[in-house]
Amino acid sequence: GLGGKDNVLELDNCATRLRMEIADVSKVDDVAIRRAGAAGVMKPG
């Protein structure tokens, strides 16, 4: 849903969420990520 592993530049997490830097945000599929069991997707900018 994030566009493949090559699209993930950095990966970290806090208490309840994954925090990532993505090469191409337009490839992120919010629906697919929620379908995988996530509660939501945020794009701070």
PDB file of all heavy atoms in Angstrom:
ATOM      1  N   GLY A   1       0.801  -1.214   0.000  1.00  0.00           N
ATOM      2  CA  GLY A   1       0.000   0.000   0.000  1.00  0.00           C
ATOM      3  C   GLY A   1       0.835   1.267   0.000  1.00  0.00           C
ATOM      4  O   GLY A   1       0.377   2.331  -0.433  1.00  0.00           O
ATOM      5  N   LEU A   2       2.084   1.152   0.461  1.00  0.00           N
ATOM      6  CA  LEU A   2       2.990   2.303   0.475  1.00  0.00           C
ATOM      7  C   LEU A   2       3.720   2.486  -0.849  1.00  0.00           C
ATOM      8  O   LEU A   2       4.540   3.392  -0.984  1.00  0.00           O
ATOM      9  CB  LEU A   2       4.017   2.146   1.604  1.00  0.00           C
ATOM     10  CG  LEU A   2       3.470   2.266   3.026  1.00  0.00           C
ATOM     11  CD1 LEU A   2       4.520   1.820   4.036  1.00  0.00           C
ATOM     12  CD2 LEU A   2       3.031   3.701   3.322  1.00  0.00           C
ATOM     13  N   GLY A   3       3.427   1.622  -1.797  1.00  0.00           N
ATOM     14  CA  GLY A   3       4.088   1.726  -3.098  1.00  0.00           C
ATOM     15  C   GLY A   3       5.272   0.806  -3.250  1.00  0.00           C
ATOM     16  O   GLY A   3       6.087   0.986  -4.163  1.00  0.00           O
ATOM     17  N   GLY A   4       5.420  -0.181  -2.366  1.00  0.00           N
ATOM     18  CA  GLY A   4       6.537  -1.121  -2.448  1.00  0.00           C
ATOM     19  C   GLY A   4       7.678  -0.718  -1.541  1.00  0.00           C
ATOM     20  O   GLY A   4       7.802   0.429  -1.126  1.00  0.00           O
ATOM     21  N   LYS A   5       8.530  -1.694  -1.214  1.00  0.00           N
ATOM     22  CA  LYS A   5       9.615  -1.434  -0.259  1.00  0.00           C
ATOM     23  C   LYS A   5      10.611  -0.401  -0.768  1.00  0.00           C
ATOM     24  O   LYS A   5      11.231   0.320   0.016  1.00  0.00           O
ATOM     25  CB  LYS A   5      10.332  -2.742   0.093  1.00  0.00           C
ATOM     26  CG  LYS A   5      11.040  -3.417  -1.074  1.00  0.00           C
ATOM     27  CD  LYS A   5      11.704  -4.711  -0.613  1.00  0.00           C
ATOM     28  CE  LYS A   5      12.488  -5.367  -1.745  1.00  0.00           C
ATOM     29  NZ  LYS A   5      13.134  -6.630  -1.306  1.00  0.00           N
ATOM     30  N   ASP A   6      10.772  -0.304  -2.087  1.00  0.00           N
ATOM     31  CA  ASP A   6      11.710   0.676  -2.627  1.00  0.00           C
ATOM     32  C   ASP A   6      11.205   2.105  -2.469  1.00  0.00           C
ATOM     33  O   ASP A   6      11.980   3.061  -2.629  1.00  0.00           O
ATOM     34  CB  ASP A   6      11.977   0.384  -4.105  1.00  0.00           C
ATOM     35  CG  ASP A   6      12.730  -0.928  -4.309  1.00  0.00           C
ATOM     36  OD1 ASP A   6      13.433  -1.332  -3.374  1.00  0.00           O
ATOM     37  OD2 ASP A   6      12.588  -1.534  -5.380  1.00  0.00           O
ATOM     38  N   ASN A   7       9.917   2.259  -2.178  1.00  0.00           N
ATOM     39  CA  ASN A   7       9.351   3.596  -2.009  1.00  0.00           C
ATOM     40  C   ASN A   7       9.499   4.102  -0.574  1.00  0.00           C
ATOM     41  O   ASN A   7       9.216   5.261  -0.294  1.00  0.00           O
ATOM     42  CB  ASN A   7       7.864   3.593  -2.403  1.00  0.00           C
ATOM     43  CG  ASN A   7       7.340   4.979  -2.731  1.00  0.00           C
ATOM     44  OD1 ASN A   7       8.046   5.791  -3.308  1.00  0.00           O
ATOM     45  ND2 ASN A   7       6.098   5.251  -2.366  1.00  0.00           N
ATOM     46  N   VAL A   8       9.940   3.212   0.339  1.00  0.00           N
ATOM     47  CA  VAL A   8      10.104   3.576   1.747  1.00  0.00           C
ATOM     48  C   VAL A   8      11.557   3.980   1.980  1.00  0.00           C
ATOM     49  O   VAL A   8      12.464   3.162   1.886  1.00  0.00           O
ATOM     50  CB  VAL A   8       9.721   2.411   2.676  1.00  0.00           C
ATOM     51  CG1 VAL A   8       9.919   2.797   4.141  1.00  0.00           C
ATOM     52  CG2 VAL A   8       8.281   1.986   2.434  1.00  0.00           C
ATOM     53  N   LEU A   9      11.785   5.256   2.281  1.00  0.00           N
ATOM     54  CA  LEU A   9      13.132   5.761   2.499  1.00  0.00           C
ATOM     55  C   LEU A   9      13.573   5.622   3.945  1.00  0.00           C
ATOM     56  O   LEU A   9      14.719   5.272   4.225  1.00  0.00           O
ATOM     57  CB  LEU A   9      13.211   7.237   2.079  1.00  0.00           C
ATOM     58  CG  LEU A   9      12.835   7.549   0.625  1.00  0.00           C
ATOM     59  CD1 LEU A   9      12.914   9.037   0.370  1.00  0.00           C
ATOM     60  CD2 LEU A   9      13.738   6.786  -0.338  1.00  0.00           C
ATOM     61  N   GLU A  10      12.679   5.900   4.877  1.00  0.00           N
ATOM     62  CA  GLU A  10      12.966   5.784   6.303  1.00  0.00           C
ATOM     63  C   GLU A  10      11.768   5.162   6.999  1.00  0.00           C
ATOM     64  O   GLU A  10      10.624   5.392   6.594  1.00  0.00           O
ATOM     65  CB  GLU A  10      13.274   7.151   6.933  1.00  0.00           C
ATOM     66  CG  GLU A  10      14.530   7.816   6.403  1.00  0.00           C
ATOM     67  CD  GLU A  10      14.796   9.162   7.063  1.00  0.00           C
ATOM     68  OE1 GLU A  10      14.154   9.431   8.106  1.00  0.00           O
ATOM     69  OE2 GLU A  10      15.612   9.924   6.534  1.00  0.00           O
ATOM     70  N   LEU A  11      12.047   4.392   8.052  1.00  0.00           N
ATOM     71  CA  LEU A  11      10.976   3.698   8.766  1.00  0.00           C
ATOM     72  C   LEU A  11      11.244   3.759  10.260  1.00  0.00           C
ATOM     73  O   LEU A  11      12.333   3.416  10.720  1.00  0.00           O
ATOM     74  CB  LEU A  11      10.889   2.235   8.303  1.00  0.00           C
ATOM     75  CG  LEU A  11       9.925   1.320   9.063  1.00  0.00           C
ATOM     76  CD1 LEU A  11       8.489   1.806   8.930  1.00  0.00           C
ATOM     77  CD2 LEU A  11      10.054  -0.112   8.556  1.00  0.00           C
ATOM     78  N   ASP A  12      10.251   4.224  11.006  1.00  0.00           N
ATOM     79  CA  ASP A  12      10.355   4.263  12.465  1.00  0.00           C
ATOM     80  C   ASP A  12       8.950   4.092  13.026  1.00  0.00           C
ATOM     81  O   ASP A  12       7.977   3.975  12.275  1.00  0.00           O
ATOM     82  CB  ASP A  12      10.977   5.583  12.924  1.00  0.00           C
ATOM     83  CG  ASP A  12      11.618   5.469  14.311  1.00  0.00           C
ATOM     84  OD1 ASP A  12      11.372   4.456  14.990  1.00  0.00           O
ATOM     85  OD2 ASP A  12      12.352   6.390  14.703  1.00  0.00           O
ATOM     86  N   ASN A  13       8.837   4.057  14.330  1.00  0.00           N
ATOM     87  CA  ASN A  13       7.507   3.957  14.934  1.00  0.00           C
ATOM     88  C   ASN A  13       7.492   4.645  16.280  1.00  0.00           C
ATOM     89  O   ASN A  13       8.529   4.817  16.927  1.00  0.00           O
ATOM     90  CB  ASN A  13       7.082   2.490  15.099  1.00  0.00           C
ATOM     91  CG  ASN A  13       7.864   1.777  16.177  1.00  0.00           C
ATOM     92  OD1 ASN A  13       9.022   1.429  15.974  1.00  0.00           O
ATOM     93  ND2 ASN A  13       7.234   1.536  17.323  1.00  0.00           N
ATOM     94  N   CYS A  14       6.308   5.074  16.695  1.00  0.00           N
ATOM     95  CA  CYS A  14       6.121   5.563  18.060  1.00  0.00           C
ATOM     96  C   CYS A  14       5.204   4.573  18.766  1.00  0.00           C
ATOM     97  O   CYS A  14       5.186   3.402  18.439  1.00  0.00           O
ATOM     98  CB  CYS A  14       5.568   6.987  18.057  1.00  0.00           C
ATOM     99  SG  CYS A  14       3.922   7.146  17.353  1.00  0.00           S
ATOM    100  N   ALA A  15       4.434   5.029  19.710  1.00  0.00           N
ATOM    101  CA  ALA A  15       3.661   4.099  20.537  1.00  0.00           C
ATOM    102  C   ALA A  15       2.608   3.328  19.746  1.00  0.00           C
ATOM    103  O   ALA A  15       2.346   2.157  20.018  1.00  0.00           O
ATOM    104  CB  ALA A  15       2.995   4.860  21.679  1.00  0.00           C
ATOM    105  N   THR A  16       1.998   3.993  18.756  1.00  0.00           N
ATOM    106  CA  THR A  16       0.882   3.348  18.061  1.00  0.00           C
ATOM    107  C   THR A  16       0.931   3.503  16.553  1.00  0.00           C
ATOM    108  O   THR A  16       0.042   3.016  15.865  1.00  0.00           O
ATOM    109  CB  THR A  16      -0.455   3.943  18.551  1.00  0.00           C
ATOM    110  OG1 THR A  16      -0.421   5.364  18.360  1.00  0.00           O
ATOM    111  CG2 THR A  16      -0.692   3.622  20.019  1.00  0.00           C
ATOM    112  N   ARG A  17       1.928   4.179  16.028  1.00  0.00           N
ATOM    113  CA  ARG A  17       1.923   4.427  14.590  1.00  0.00           C
ATOM    114  C   ARG A  17       3.293   4.236  13.957  1.00  0.00           C
ATOM    115  O   ARG A  17       4.326   4.377  14.609  1.00  0.00           O
ATOM    116  CB  ARG A  17       1.398   5.834  14.308  1.00  0.00           C
ATOM    117  CG  ARG A  17       2.329   6.933  14.757  1.00  0.00           C
ATOM    118  CD  ARG A  17       1.754   8.308  14.496  1.00  0.00           C
ATOM    119  NE  ARG A  17       0.985   8.795  15.634  1.00  0.00           N
ATOM    120  CZ  ARG A  17       0.497  10.009  15.728  1.00  0.00           C
ATOM    121  NH1 ARG A  17       0.675  10.863  14.728  1.00  0.00           N
ATOM    122  NH2 ARG A  17      -0.182  10.379  16.788  1.00  0.00           N
ATOM    123  N   LEU A  18       3.258   3.920  12.678  1.00  0.00           N
ATOM    124  CA  LEU A  18       4.471   3.866  11.870  1.00  0.00           C
ATOM    125  C   LEU A  18       4.757   5.260  11.336  1.00  0.00           C
ATOM    126  O   LEU A  18       3.851   5.954  10.872  1.00  0.00           O
ATOM    127  CB  LEU A  18       4.287   2.902  10.689  1.00  0.00           C
ATOM    128  CG  LEU A  18       4.000   1.442  11.030  1.00  0.00           C
ATOM    129  CD1 LEU A  18       3.482   0.705   9.791  1.00  0.00           C
ATOM    130  CD2 LEU A  18       5.261   0.766  11.556  1.00  0.00           C
ATOM    131  N   ARG A  19       6.018   5.679  11.383  1.00  0.00           N
ATOM    132  CA  ARG A  19       6.424   6.975  10.855  1.00  0.00           C
ATOM    133  C   ARG A  19       7.421   6.726   9.728  1.00  0.00           C
ATOM    134  O   ARG A  19       8.448   6.085   9.945  1.00  0.00           O
ATOM    135  CB  ARG A  19       7.077   7.824  11.951  1.00  0.00           C
ATOM    136  CG  ARG A  19       6.129   8.216  13.076  1.00  0.00           C
ATOM    137  CD  ARG A  19       6.912   8.815  14.238  1.00  0.00           C
ATOM    138  NE  ARG A  19       6.024   9.310  15.277  1.00  0.00           N
ATOM    139  CZ  ARG A  19       5.676  10.590  15.427  1.00  0.00           C
ATOM    140  NH1 ARG A  19       6.161  11.499  14.599  1.00  0.00           N
ATOM    141  NH2 ARG A  19       4.867  10.968  16.394  1.00  0.00           N
ATOM    142  N   MET A  20       7.124   7.261   8.547  1.00  0.00           N
ATOM    143  CA  MET A  20       7.950   6.962   7.383  1.00  0.00           C
ATOM    144  C   MET A  20       8.230   8.191   6.540  1.00  0.00           C
ATOM    145  O   MET A  20       7.459   9.154   6.544  1.00  0.00           O
ATOM    146  CB  MET A  20       7.263   5.898   6.514  1.00  0.00           C
ATOM    147  CG  MET A  20       7.169   4.537   7.174  1.00  0.00           C
ATOM    148  SD  MET A  20       5.785   3.571   6.546  1.00  0.00           S
ATOM    149  CE  MET A  20       4.394   4.485   7.163  1.00  0.00           C
ATOM    150  N   GLU A  21       9.335   8.134   5.831  1.00  0.00           N
ATOM    151  CA  GLU A  21       9.625   9.072   4.761  1.00  0.00           C
ATOM    152  C   GLU A  21       9.488   8.282   3.457  1.00  0.00           C
ATOM    153  O   GLU A  21      10.127   7.244   3.279  1.00  0.00           O
ATOM    154  CB  GLU A  21      11.035   9.646   4.895  1.00  0.00           C
ATOM    155  CG  GLU A  21      11.206  10.594   6.072  1.00  0.00           C
ATOM    156  CD  GLU A  21      10.414  11.891   5.879  1.00  0.00           C
ATOM    157  OE1 GLU A  21      10.497  12.472   4.785  1.00  0.00           O
ATOM    158  OE2 GLU A  21       9.723  12.306   6.837  1.00  0.00           O
ATOM    159  N   ILE A  22       8.671   8.783   2.553  1.00  0.00           N
ATOM    160  CA  ILE A  22       8.317   8.067   1.327  1.00  0.00           C
ATOM    161  C   ILE A  22       8.893   8.804   0.119  1.00  0.00           C
ATOM    162  O   ILE A  22       8.842  10.038   0.039  1.00  0.00           O
ATOM    163  CB  ILE A  22       6.781   7.948   1.196  1.00  0.00           C
ATOM    164  CG1 ILE A  22       6.218   7.223   2.412  1.00  0.00           C
ATOM    165  CG2 ILE A  22       6.400   7.230  -0.084  1.00  0.00           C
ATOM    166  CD1 ILE A  22       6.684   5.798   2.581  1.00  0.00           C
ATOM    167  N   ALA A  23       9.436   8.052  -0.819  1.00  0.00           N
ATOM    168  CA  ALA A  23      10.023   8.672  -2.008  1.00  0.00           C
ATOM    169  C   ALA A  23       8.961   9.365  -2.852  1.00  0.00           C
ATOM    170  O   ALA A  23       9.127  10.491  -3.299  1.00  0.00           O
ATOM    171  CB  ALA A  23      10.765   7.616  -2.831  1.00  0.00           C
ATOM    172  N   ASP A  24       7.834   8.673  -3.083  1.00  0.00           N
ATOM    173  CA  ASP A  24       6.751   9.230  -3.915  1.00  0.00           C
ATOM    174  C   ASP A  24       5.432   9.024  -3.173  1.00  0.00           C
ATOM    175  O   ASP A  24       4.862   7.925  -3.180  1.00  0.00           O
ATOM    176  CB  ASP A  24       6.734   8.530  -5.278  1.00  0.00           C
ATOM    177  CG  ASP A  24       5.719   9.157  -6.232  1.00  0.00           C
ATOM    178  OD1 ASP A  24       4.950  10.047  -5.797  1.00  0.00           O
ATOM    179  OD2 ASP A  24       5.698   8.756  -7.411  1.00  0.00           O
ATOM    180  N   VAL A  25       4.957  10.079  -2.535  1.00  0.00           N
ATOM    181  CA  VAL A  25       3.734   9.978  -1.725  1.00  0.00           C
ATOM    182  C   VAL A  25       2.521   9.665  -2.582  1.00  0.00           C
ATOM    183  O   VAL A  25       1.540   9.074  -2.099  1.00  0.00           O
ATOM    184  CB  VAL A  25       3.526  11.293  -0.938  1.00  0.00           C
ATOM    185  CG1 VAL A  25       2.238  11.240  -0.120  1.00  0.00           C
ATOM    186  CG2 VAL A  25       4.706  11.543  -0.004  1.00  0.00           C
ATOM    187  N   SER A  26       2.550  10.009  -3.858  1.00  0.00           N
ATOM    188  CA  SER A  26       1.400   9.753  -4.730  1.00  0.00           C
ATOM    189  C   SER A  26       1.132   8.255  -4.909  1.00  0.00           C
ATOM    190  O   SER A  26       0.035   7.863  -5.316  1.00  0.00           O
ATOM    191  CB  SER A  26       1.616  10.405  -6.096  1.00  0.00           C
ATOM    192  OG  SER A  26       2.701   9.795  -6.784  1.00  0.00           O
ATOM    193  N   LYS A  27       2.104   7.422  -4.613  1.00  0.00           N
ATOM    194  CA  LYS A  27       1.932   5.972  -4.752  1.00  0.00           C
ATOM    195  C   LYS A  27       1.262   5.340  -3.529  1.00  0.00           C
ATOM    196  O   LYS A  27       0.946   4.141  -3.553  1.00  0.00           O
ATOM    197  CB  LYS A  27       3.279   5.299  -4.984  1.00  0.00           C
ATOM    198  CG  LYS A  27       3.944   5.650  -6.305  1.00  0.00           C
ATOM    199  CD  LYS A  27       5.257   4.902  -6.468  1.00  0.00           C
ATOM    200  CE  LYS A  27       5.921   5.212  -7.805  1.00  0.00           C
ATOM    201  NZ  LYS A  27       7.202   4.478  -7.974  1.00  0.00           N
ATOM    202  N   VAL A  28       1.089   6.114  -2.467  1.00  0.00           N
ATOM    203  CA  VAL A  28       0.514   5.563  -1.237  1.00  0.00           C
ATOM    204  C   VAL A  28      -0.987   5.347  -1.414  1.00  0.00           C
ATOM    205  O   VAL A  28      -1.724   6.267  -1.794  1.00  0.00           O
ATOM    206  CB  VAL A  28       0.773   6.507  -0.045  1.00  0.00           C
ATOM    207  CG1 VAL A  28       0.094   5.982   1.214  1.00  0.00           C
ATOM    208  CG2 VAL A  28       2.282   6.659   0.176  1.00  0.00           C
ATOM    209  N   ASP A  29      -1.435   4.117  -1.160  1.00  0.00           N
ATOM    210  CA  ASP A  29      -2.845   3.737  -1.303  1.00  0.00           C
ATOM    211  C   ASP A  29      -3.455   3.617   0.093  1.00  0.00           C
ATOM    212  O   ASP A  29      -3.292   2.595   0.767  1.00  0.00           O
ATOM    213  CB  ASP A  29      -2.931   2.412  -2.066  1.00  0.00           C
ATOM    214  CG  ASP A  29      -4.369   2.013  -2.382  1.00  0.00           C
ATOM    215  OD1 ASP A  29      -5.297   2.546  -1.755  1.00  0.00           O
ATOM    216  OD2 ASP A  29      -4.551   1.146  -3.262  1.00  0.00           O
ATOM    217  N   ASP A  30      -4.167   4.664   0.510  1.00  0.00           N
ATOM    218  CA  ASP A  30      -4.750   4.674   1.858  1.00  0.00           C
ATOM    219  C   ASP A  30      -5.705   3.515   2.075  1.00  0.00           C
ATOM    220  O   ASP A  30      -5.720   2.889   3.145  1.00  0.00           O
ATOM    221  CB  ASP A  30      -5.489   5.990   2.104  1.00  0.00           C
ATOM    222  CG  ASP A  30      -4.554   7.195   2.101  1.00  0.00           C
ATOM    223  OD1 ASP A  30      -3.402   7.030   1.670  1.00  0.00           O
ATOM    224  OD2 ASP A  30      -4.985   8.281   2.530  1.00  0.00           O
ATOM    225  N   VAL A  31      -6.496   3.215   1.076  1.00  0.00           N
ATOM    226  CA  VAL A  31      -7.503   2.160   1.215  1.00  0.00           C
ATOM    227  C   VAL A  31      -6.829   0.809   1.420  1.00  0.00           C
ATOM    228  O   VAL A  31      -7.241   0.010   2.277  1.00  0.00           O
ATOM    229  CB  VAL A  31      -8.419   2.127  -0.028  1.00  0.00           C
ATOM    230  CG1 VAL A  31      -9.383   0.941   0.062  1.00  0.00           C
ATOM    231  CG2 VAL A  31      -9.178   3.436  -0.156  1.00  0.00           C
ATOM    232  N   ALA A  32      -5.772   0.533   0.648  1.00  0.00           N
ATOM    233  CA  ALA A  32      -5.074  -0.745   0.779  1.00  0.00           C
ATOM    234  C   ALA A  32      -4.435  -0.880   2.150  1.00  0.00           C
ATOM    235  O   ALA A  32      -4.421  -1.968   2.740  1.00  0.00           O
ATOM    236  CB  ALA A  32      -4.021  -0.870  -0.320  1.00  0.00           C
ATOM    237  N   ILE A  33      -3.902   0.216   2.675  1.00  0.00           N
ATOM    238  CA  ILE A  33      -3.259   0.166   3.988  1.00  0.00           C
ATOM    239  C   ILE A  33      -4.291  -0.089   5.074  1.00  0.00           C
ATOM    240  O   ILE A  33      -4.057  -0.880   5.997  1.00  0.00           O
ATOM    241  CB  ILE A  33      -2.489   1.482   4.247  1.00  0.00           C
ATOM    242  CG1 ILE A  33      -1.327   1.595   3.252  1.00  0.00           C
ATOM    243  CG2 ILE A  33      -1.983   1.544   5.679  1.00  0.00           C
ATOM    244  CD1 ILE A  33      -0.599   2.915   3.315  1.00  0.00           C
ATOM    245  N   ARG A  34      -5.468   0.557   4.977  1.00  0.00           N
ATOM    246  CA  ARG A  34      -6.536   0.299   5.961  1.00  0.00           C
ATOM    247  C   ARG A  34      -7.021  -1.141   5.843  1.00  0.00           C
ATOM    248  O   ARG A  34      -7.348  -1.786   6.843  1.00  0.00           O
ATOM    249  CB  ARG A  34      -7.691   1.268   5.748  1.00  0.00           C
ATOM    250  CG  ARG A  34      -7.384   2.709   6.164  1.00  0.00           C
ATOM    251  CD  ARG A  34      -8.659   3.537   6.185  1.00  0.00           C
ATOM    252  NE  ARG A  34      -8.397   4.921   6.564  1.00  0.00           N
ATOM    253  CZ  ARG A  34      -8.177   5.893   5.708  1.00  0.00           C
ATOM    254  NH1 ARG A  34      -8.203   5.635   4.393  1.00  0.00           N
ATOM    255  NH2 ARG A  34      -7.941   7.122   6.114  1.00  0.00           N
ATOM    256  N   ARG A  35      -7.073  -1.646   4.617  1.00  0.00           N
ATOM    257  CA  ARG A  35      -7.520  -3.020   4.410  1.00  0.00           C
ATOM    258  C   ARG A  35      -6.571  -4.021   5.074  1.00  0.00           C
ATOM    259  O   ARG A  35      -6.954  -5.125   5.450  1.00  0.00           O
ATOM    260  CB  ARG A  35      -7.624  -3.296   2.902  1.00  0.00           C
ATOM    261  CG  ARG A  35      -8.346  -4.602   2.570  1.00  0.00           C
ATOM    262  CD  ARG A  35      -8.744  -4.673   1.108  1.00  0.00           C
ATOM    263  NE  ARG A  35      -7.590  -4.553   0.224  1.00  0.00           N
ATOM    264  CZ  ARG A  35      -7.413  -3.569  -0.660  1.00  0.00           C
ATOM    265  NH1 ARG A  35      -8.318  -2.604  -0.764  1.00  0.00           N
ATOM    266  NH2 ARG A  35      -6.347  -3.519  -1.430  1.00  0.00           N
ATOM    267  N   ALA A  36      -5.304  -3.598   5.237  1.00  0.00           N
ATOM    268  CA  ALA A  36      -4.318  -4.469   5.880  1.00  0.00           C
ATOM    269  C   ALA A  36      -4.452  -4.482   7.396  1.00  0.00           C
ATOM    270  O   ALA A  36      -3.750  -5.244   8.063  1.00  0.00           O
ATOM    271  CB  ALA A  36      -2.911  -4.018   5.496  1.00  0.00           C
ATOM    272  N   GLY A  37      -5.314  -3.633   7.947  1.00  0.00           N
ATOM    273  CA  GLY A  37      -5.545  -3.638   9.385  1.00  0.00           C
ATOM    274  C   GLY A  37      -5.168  -2.359  10.080  1.00  0.00           C
ATOM    275  O   GLY A  37      -5.268  -2.274  11.308  1.00  0.00           O
ATOM    276  N   ALA A  38      -4.713  -1.344   9.327  1.00  0.00           N
ATOM    277  CA  ALA A  38      -4.374  -0.064   9.944  1.00  0.00           C
ATOM    278  C   ALA A  38      -5.634   0.723  10.256  1.00  0.00           C
ATOM    279  O   ALA A  38      -6.655   0.591   9.573  1.00  0.00           O
ATOM    280  CB  ALA A  38      -3.467   0.736   9.018  1.00  0.00           C
ATOM    281  N   ALA A  39      -5.538   1.583  11.282  1.00  0.00           N
ATOM    282  CA  ALA A  39      -6.697   2.400  11.653  1.00  0.00           C
ATOM    283  C   ALA A  39      -6.816   3.632  10.783  1.00  0.00           C
ATOM    284  O   ALA A  39      -7.905   4.196  10.643  1.00  0.00           O
ATOM    285  CB  ALA A  39      -6.582   2.810  13.119  1.00  0.00           C
ATOM    286  N   GLY A  40      -5.711   4.066  10.204  1.00  0.00           N
ATOM    287  CA  GLY A  40      -5.770   5.251   9.364  1.00  0.00           C
ATOM    288  C   GLY A  40      -4.412   5.599   8.820  1.00  0.00           C
ATOM    289  O   GLY A  40      -3.385   5.025   9.205  1.00  0.00           O
ATOM    290  N   VAL A  41      -4.389   6.567   7.909  1.00  0.00           N
ATOM    291  CA  VAL A  41      -3.161   7.035   7.288  1.00  0.00           C
ATOM    292  C   VAL A  41      -3.132   8.555   7.368  1.00  0.00           C
ATOM    293  O   VAL A  41      -4.122   9.212   7.043  1.00  0.00           O
ATOM    294  CB  VAL A  41      -3.064   6.584   5.808  1.00  0.00           C
ATOM    295  CG1 VAL A  41      -1.777   7.100   5.181  1.00  0.00           C
ATOM    296  CG2 VAL A  41      -3.142   5.062   5.709  1.00  0.00           C
ATOM    297  N   MET A  42      -2.000   9.106   7.804  1.00  0.00           N
ATOM    298  CA  MET A  42      -1.836  10.546   7.890  1.00  0.00           C
ATOM    299  C   MET A  42      -0.684  10.971   7.000  1.00  0.00           C
ATOM    300  O   MET A  42       0.335  10.276   6.906  1.00  0.00           O
ATOM    301  CB  MET A  42      -1.549  10.979   9.328  1.00  0.00           C
ATOM    302  CG  MET A  42      -2.663  10.686  10.310  1.00  0.00           C
ATOM    303  SD  MET A  42      -4.163  11.610   9.942  1.00  0.00           S
ATOM    304  CE  MET A  42      -3.575  13.293  10.072  1.00  0.00           C
ATOM    305  N   LYS A  43      -0.844  12.140   6.339  1.00  0.00           N
ATOM    306  CA  LYS A  43       0.205  12.699   5.486  1.00  0.00           C
ATOM    307  C   LYS A  43       0.460  14.131   5.959  1.00  0.00           C
ATOM    308  O   LYS A  43      -0.111  15.084   5.433  1.00  0.00           O
ATOM    309  CB  LYS A  43      -0.219  12.665   4.028  1.00  0.00           C
ATOM    310  CG  LYS A  43      -0.482  11.238   3.518  1.00  0.00           C
ATOM    311  CD  LYS A  43      -1.039  11.222   2.104  1.00  0.00           C
ATOM    312  CE  LYS A  43      -1.349   9.798   1.643  1.00  0.00           C
ATOM    313  NZ  LYS A  43      -1.978   9.757   0.306  1.00  0.00           N
ATOM    314  N   PRO A  44       1.373  14.285   6.954  1.00  0.00           N
ATOM    315  CA  PRO A  44       1.605  15.610   7.541  1.00  0.00           C
ATOM    316  C   PRO A  44       2.156  16.636   6.560  1.00  0.00           C
ATOM    317  O   PRO A  44       2.028  17.834   6.774  1.00  0.00           O
ATOM    318  CB  PRO A  44       2.633  15.323   8.651  1.00  0.00           C
ATOM    319  CG  PRO A  44       2.493  13.864   8.930  1.00  0.00           C
ATOM    320  CD  PRO A  44       2.137  13.243   7.624  1.00  0.00           C
ATOM    321  N   GLY A  45       2.759  16.172   5.475  1.00  0.00           N
ATOM    322  CA  GLY A  45       3.336  17.088   4.508  1.00  0.00           C
ATOM    323  C   GLY A  45       4.680  16.599   4.022  1.00  0.00           C
ATOM    324  O   GLY A  45       5.347  15.784   4.682  1.00  0.00           O
TER     325      GLY A  45
END
